[in-house]
């Protein structure tokens, strides 16, 4: 018995990008549109960064970066903040600093492995400060 699977075509074709409007693997000048301390699905604290850029085809795209706020990941958060020109004395300063970063243009590298589901976003360089 043959079952019509055409209703799944859109979902199938969008999986290569993870979700519609996702930035595929590559290097982009991206605008930071949101950065905040949130909780993960496992109730762990993290910084959630949301970035927007244009895809190679010129369409808008978005990606997210998650920085877990756990001891073993602090060096990665510190490196990202240094890339953005931020040095903190107290992590509670994140609540003040993160909203001020919205609008910052950052050179990022996105890597997606569609076979394993691995997704990473690396901050390479701050290009410009937010517009005031």
Protein backbone atom coordinates (compact mmCIF):
# COMPACT_ATOMS: atom_id res chain seq x y z
CA UNK A 1 0.00 0.00 0.00
CA UNK A 2 1.43 3.36 -1.04
CA UNK A 3 0.69 6.33 1.24
CA UNK A 4 0.94 9.88 -0.13
CA UNK A 5 3.82 11.61 1.65
CA UNK A 6 3.64 14.92 -0.24
CA UNK A 7 2.18 16.67 2.83
CA UNK A 8 5.59 16.29 4.49
CA UNK A 9 7.60 17.83 1.64
CA UNK A 10 7.87 21.31 3.17
CA UNK A 11 9.09 19.93 6.50
CA UNK A 12 11.54 17.63 4.74
CA UNK A 13 13.09 20.39 2.66
CA UNK A 14 13.38 22.81 5.58
CA UNK A 15 15.32 20.31 7.74
CA UNK A 16 18.54 21.08 5.89
CA UNK A 17 18.48 24.49 7.55
CA UNK A 18 17.18 23.32 10.91
CA UNK A 19 14.11 25.54 10.73
CA UNK A 20 12.70 28.01 8.21
CA UNK A 21 14.67 31.27 8.09
CA UNK A 22 17.77 29.66 9.65
CA UNK A 23 21.21 30.80 8.54
CA UNK A 24 23.02 27.90 6.86
CA UNK A 25 26.68 27.17 7.59
CA UNK A 26 28.90 30.09 6.64
CA UNK A 27 30.37 33.39 7.78
CA UNK A 28 28.05 36.37 8.19
CA UNK A 29 27.88 39.95 9.37
CA UNK A 30 24.98 39.58 11.78
CA UNK A 31 22.99 42.02 13.86
CA UNK A 32 22.40 41.06 17.50
CA UNK A 33 18.63 41.45 17.93
CA UNK A 34 18.29 40.01 21.43
CA UNK A 35 20.52 38.82 24.25
CA UNK A 36 19.17 37.76 27.61
CA UNK A 37 19.63 35.39 30.51
CA UNK A 38 17.07 32.59 30.19
CA UNK A 39 16.53 29.02 31.37
CA UNK A 40 17.17 26.05 29.10
CA UNK A 41 14.72 23.17 28.68
CA UNK A 42 16.65 21.47 31.50
CA UNK A 43 16.18 24.52 33.76
CA UNK A 44 19.84 25.54 33.49
CA UNK A 45 20.65 29.23 33.20
CA UNK A 46 22.07 30.40 29.89
CA UNK A 47 22.58 33.47 27.75
CA UNK A 48 20.46 33.27 24.62
CA UNK A 49 21.79 35.34 21.72
CA UNK A 50 19.55 35.91 18.68
CA UNK A 51 21.27 37.13 15.53
CA UNK A 52 19.94 38.13 12.10
CA UNK A 53 21.69 38.39 8.76
CA UNK A 54 21.09 37.84 5.07
CA UNK A 55 21.55 34.39 3.60
CA UNK A 56 23.68 33.90 0.50
CA UNK A 57 20.49 34.17 -1.57
CA UNK A 58 19.78 37.58 -0.01
CA UNK A 59 16.86 36.43 2.12
CA UNK A 60 16.72 37.30 5.82
CA UNK A 61 17.97 34.60 8.13
CA UNK A 62 18.36 34.09 11.85
CA UNK A 63 20.35 31.94 14.23
CA UNK A 64 20.64 31.48 17.96
CA UNK A 65 23.64 30.95 20.17
CA UNK A 66 23.33 29.57 23.67
CA UNK A 67 25.98 30.20 26.32
CA UNK A 68 25.36 27.91 29.31
CA UNK A 69 25.95 29.62 32.64
CA UNK A 70 27.75 26.69 34.23
CA UNK A 71 31.29 26.54 35.61
CA UNK A 72 32.76 24.45 32.76
CA UNK A 73 31.47 26.89 30.09
CA UNK A 74 32.57 30.20 31.63
CA UNK A 75 35.68 30.42 29.44
CA UNK A 76 33.48 30.38 26.32
CA UNK A 77 31.19 33.11 27.67
CA UNK A 78 34.21 35.17 28.70
CA UNK A 79 35.72 34.82 25.20
CA UNK A 80 32.42 35.91 23.55
CA UNK A 81 32.10 38.90 25.85
CA UNK A 82 35.74 39.91 25.23
CA UNK A 83 35.07 39.72 21.48
CA UNK A 84 32.27 42.21 22.11
CA UNK A 85 34.54 44.44 24.21
CA UNK A 86 32.92 43.52 27.54
CA UNK A 87 34.80 42.57 30.72
CA UNK A 88 32.66 41.87 33.78
CA UNK A 89 33.59 41.99 37.45
CA UNK A 90 30.33 40.32 38.45
CA UNK A 91 28.10 38.10 36.30
CA UNK A 92 25.06 39.95 37.62
CA UNK A 93 26.20 42.78 35.32
CA UNK A 94 24.90 40.64 32.43
CA UNK A 95 21.38 41.89 33.19
CA UNK A 96 22.51 45.47 32.46
CA UNK A 97 25.07 44.79 29.70
CA UNK A 98 23.15 42.38 27.45
CA UNK A 99 20.28 44.75 26.52
CA UNK A 100 22.83 47.44 25.63
CA UNK A 101 24.45 45.09 23.10
CA UNK A 102 21.29 44.83 20.98
CA UNK A 103 22.04 46.28 17.56
CA UNK A 104 25.72 45.33 17.64
CA UNK A 105 27.02 44.00 14.31
CA UNK A 106 29.17 40.89 14.77
CA UNK A 107 31.09 38.74 12.31
CA UNK A 108 29.91 35.21 13.09
CA UNK A 109 30.57 31.72 11.85
CA UNK A 110 27.62 29.32 11.73
CA UNK A 111 28.15 25.58 11.48
CA UNK A 112 25.32 23.09 11.11
CA UNK A 113 25.76 19.35 10.71
CA UNK A 114 22.39 18.14 9.45
CA UNK A 115 23.33 14.51 10.11
CA UNK A 116 24.10 14.90 13.81
CA UNK A 117 22.01 18.02 14.57
CA UNK A 118 25.14 19.79 15.86
CA UNK A 119 24.80 23.59 15.62
CA UNK A 120 27.38 26.14 16.63
CA UNK A 121 27.74 29.87 16.32
CA UNK A 122 31.09 31.50 16.95
CA UNK A 123 31.64 35.20 17.48
CA UNK A 124 34.65 36.13 15.36
CA UNK A 125 34.81 39.91 15.61
CA UNK A 126 32.72 42.90 16.66
CA UNK A 127 32.18 45.08 13.60
CA UNK A 128 30.20 47.95 15.08
CA UNK A 129 28.48 49.12 18.21
CA UNK A 130 24.70 49.45 18.40
CA UNK A 131 23.16 52.52 16.84
CA UNK A 132 22.06 55.01 19.46
